[in-house]
Structures are given as C-alpha cells and as structure tokens.
Amino acid sequence: MSKTDYLDLAQHLVDKAIKLGAQQAEVYINMTNEMEIEVNKQQVETMKVSEDRGIGIRVLNSGSIGFAYSTDFDLAKLEETVKLAVANGRITSPMNTIFFPLNRVSCLCLI
C-alpha cells in the first residue's frame, strides 16, 4: 500500500466511527520493517527480516474515550475494530477537557 492508500484507509475508518456515533475519531497506522544480518569473518551467520504493523482507533464521545487495535488489515476486520472502539467508548467514564485535533488524518509509516 502507498501512503495515499493508508491515508484513504484512515479517513474511511474515521468516517465509519463518526457514522457509528463517535463525536471525534483518530486512526494511528504504524508499519515497521526490520532487517538484521550477523556476519562473522566475512560470512553471513544469520539473517532476520521482520515486519510489524497495526492500526489503532481512538474515539471520543461525550468525554468518554474508546480504543481498539488490530494487526489485521482486512477491511472487514478493521471496520469491526472501529465498532469495538465505539462500543468501548460507551462503557468508559467521561473525562474532562479531552479533545482530538479536528479534520486531520495523518499516517506515520516507519520503514
């Protein structure tokens, strides 16, 4: 996926949260790739390649915060994660002076 694809996905998930009743929502996308190579006497001894990625969804409704996280990027699974974040926000106690930046979607991809 390109950065634009991730931004579109984040916007879709924010819009979904708002449709489900959240007053505000934010999506955090993280992706990291790592390569580790151990060399001894000019010979490769071990090589490890790994990828870690996930999407966090935080919603705010009447001062209550809900959060959910997924490592599965399947759209249906992510939409379920949004539903879970909204549901979690309905069962938490309200907090004072909580707000998110409005009208902002951003994507942080660490590669």
Protein backbone atom coordinates (compact mmCIF):
# COMPACT_ATOMS: atom_id res chain seq x y z
CA MET A 1 0.00 0.00 0.00
CA SER A 2 1.14 3.54 -0.71
CA LYS A 3 0.99 6.42 1.76
CA THR A 4 -2.08 7.70 -0.10
CA ASP A 5 -3.77 4.30 0.33
CA TYR A 6 -3.07 4.39 4.07
CA LEU A 7 -4.45 7.94 4.33
CA ASP A 8 -7.59 6.89 2.44
CA LEU A 9 -7.98 3.88 4.74
CA ALA A 10 -7.56 6.06 7.83
CA GLN A 11 -10.15 8.53 6.53
CA HIS A 12 -12.58 5.68 5.81
CA LEU A 13 -12.19 4.37 9.36
CA VAL A 14 -12.65 7.84 10.89
CA ASP A 15 -15.79 8.35 8.79
CA LYS A 16 -17.08 4.93 9.91
CA ALA A 17 -16.54 5.82 13.57
CA ILE A 18 -18.44 9.10 13.14
CA LYS A 19 -21.33 7.27 11.44
CA LEU A 20 -21.43 4.85 14.39
CA GLY A 21 -21.88 7.72 16.84
CA ALA A 22 -18.41 8.93 17.80
CA GLN A 23 -18.11 12.70 18.01
CA GLN A 24 -14.43 12.57 17.10
CA ALA A 25 -12.09 9.81 15.99
CA GLU A 26 -8.46 9.30 15.15
CA VAL A 27 -6.62 6.47 13.45
CA TYR A 28 -2.96 5.66 14.04
CA ILE A 29 -1.25 3.45 11.47
CA ASN A 30 2.18 2.02 12.23
CA MET A 31 4.35 -0.10 10.00
CA THR A 32 7.97 -1.03 10.60
CA ASN A 33 10.30 -3.28 8.65
CA GLU A 34 13.49 -4.60 10.17
CA MET A 35 16.44 -6.48 8.74
CA GLU A 36 19.20 -7.87 10.90
CA ILE A 37 22.28 -9.58 9.47
CA GLU A 38 25.06 -11.09 11.57
CA VAL A 39 28.41 -11.50 9.83
CA ASN A 40 31.42 -13.29 11.30
CA LYS A 41 34.73 -13.49 9.39
CA GLN A 42 33.04 -12.24 6.21
CA GLN A 43 30.41 -15.00 6.37
CA VAL A 44 26.73 -14.37 6.97
CA GLU A 45 25.75 -16.35 10.04
CA THR A 46 22.15 -15.26 10.49
CA MET A 47 19.67 -13.07 8.69
CA LYS A 48 16.32 -11.99 10.09
CA VAL A 49 13.64 -9.97 8.29
CA SER A 50 10.50 -8.91 10.13
CA GLU A 51 7.52 -6.63 9.65
CA ASP A 52 5.32 -5.19 12.35
CA ARG A 53 2.16 -3.29 11.53
CA GLY A 54 -1.04 -2.29 13.20
CA ILE A 55 -3.87 0.18 13.31
CA GLY A 56 -5.11 1.89 16.47
CA ILE A 57 -8.51 3.58 16.56
CA ARG A 58 -9.41 6.03 19.30
CA VAL A 59 -12.84 7.65 19.55
CA LEU A 60 -14.33 10.34 21.74
CA ASN A 61 -17.99 10.66 22.61
CA SER A 62 -19.38 12.93 25.35
CA GLY A 63 -16.00 12.95 27.09
CA SER A 64 -15.57 9.17 27.06
CA ILE A 65 -12.71 7.56 25.16
CA GLY A 66 -12.83 4.22 23.39
CA PHE A 67 -9.87 2.43 21.86
CA ALA A 68 -9.26 -0.69 19.80
CA TYR A 69 -6.25 -2.03 17.91
CA SER A 70 -5.76 -4.53 15.10
CA THR A 71 -2.86 -6.07 13.24
CA ASP A 72 -5.21 -7.47 10.59
CA PHE A 73 -5.54 -5.01 7.68
CA ASP A 74 -8.57 -6.76 6.15
CA LEU A 75 -11.19 -4.02 5.68
CA ALA A 76 -14.00 -6.03 7.30
CA LYS A 77 -11.79 -6.73 10.34
CA LEU A 78 -10.83 -3.05 10.59
CA GLU A 79 -14.48 -1.99 10.45
CA GLU A 80 -15.16 -4.42 13.31
CA THR A 81 -12.27 -2.81 15.18
CA VAL A 82 -13.93 0.59 14.70
CA LYS A 83 -17.19 -0.84 16.11
CA LEU A 84 -15.25 -2.16 19.11
CA ALA A 85 -13.62 1.23 19.74
CA VAL A 86 -17.02 2.95 19.64
CA ALA A 87 -18.52 0.30 21.95
CA ASN A 88 -15.59 0.67 24.36
CA GLY A 89 -16.22 4.41 24.43
CA ARG A 90 -19.77 3.81 25.56
CA ILE A 91 -18.68 1.92 28.69
CA THR A 92 -15.86 4.17 29.91
CA SER A 93 -16.30 7.03 32.35
CA PRO A 94 -16.30 10.54 30.89
CA MET A 95 -13.16 12.65 31.33
CA ASN A 96 -12.94 16.44 31.33
CA THR A 97 -11.06 18.51 28.73
CA ILE A 98 -10.44 15.71 26.24
CA PHE A 99 -10.36 16.56 22.55
CA PHE A 100 -8.66 15.41 19.36
CA PRO A 101 -7.38 17.59 16.51
CA LEU A 102 -10.33 18.10 14.18
CA ASN A 103 -10.35 17.40 10.45
CA ARG A 104 -6.94 15.82 10.45
CA VAL A 105 -5.89 12.43 9.18
CA SER A 106 -2.23 11.52 9.24
CA CYS A 107 -0.20 8.43 8.58
CA LEU A 108 3.11 7.51 10.16
CA CYS A 109 4.91 4.76 8.31
CA LEU A 110 8.32 3.80 9.63
CA ILE A 111 10.21 1.73 7.11
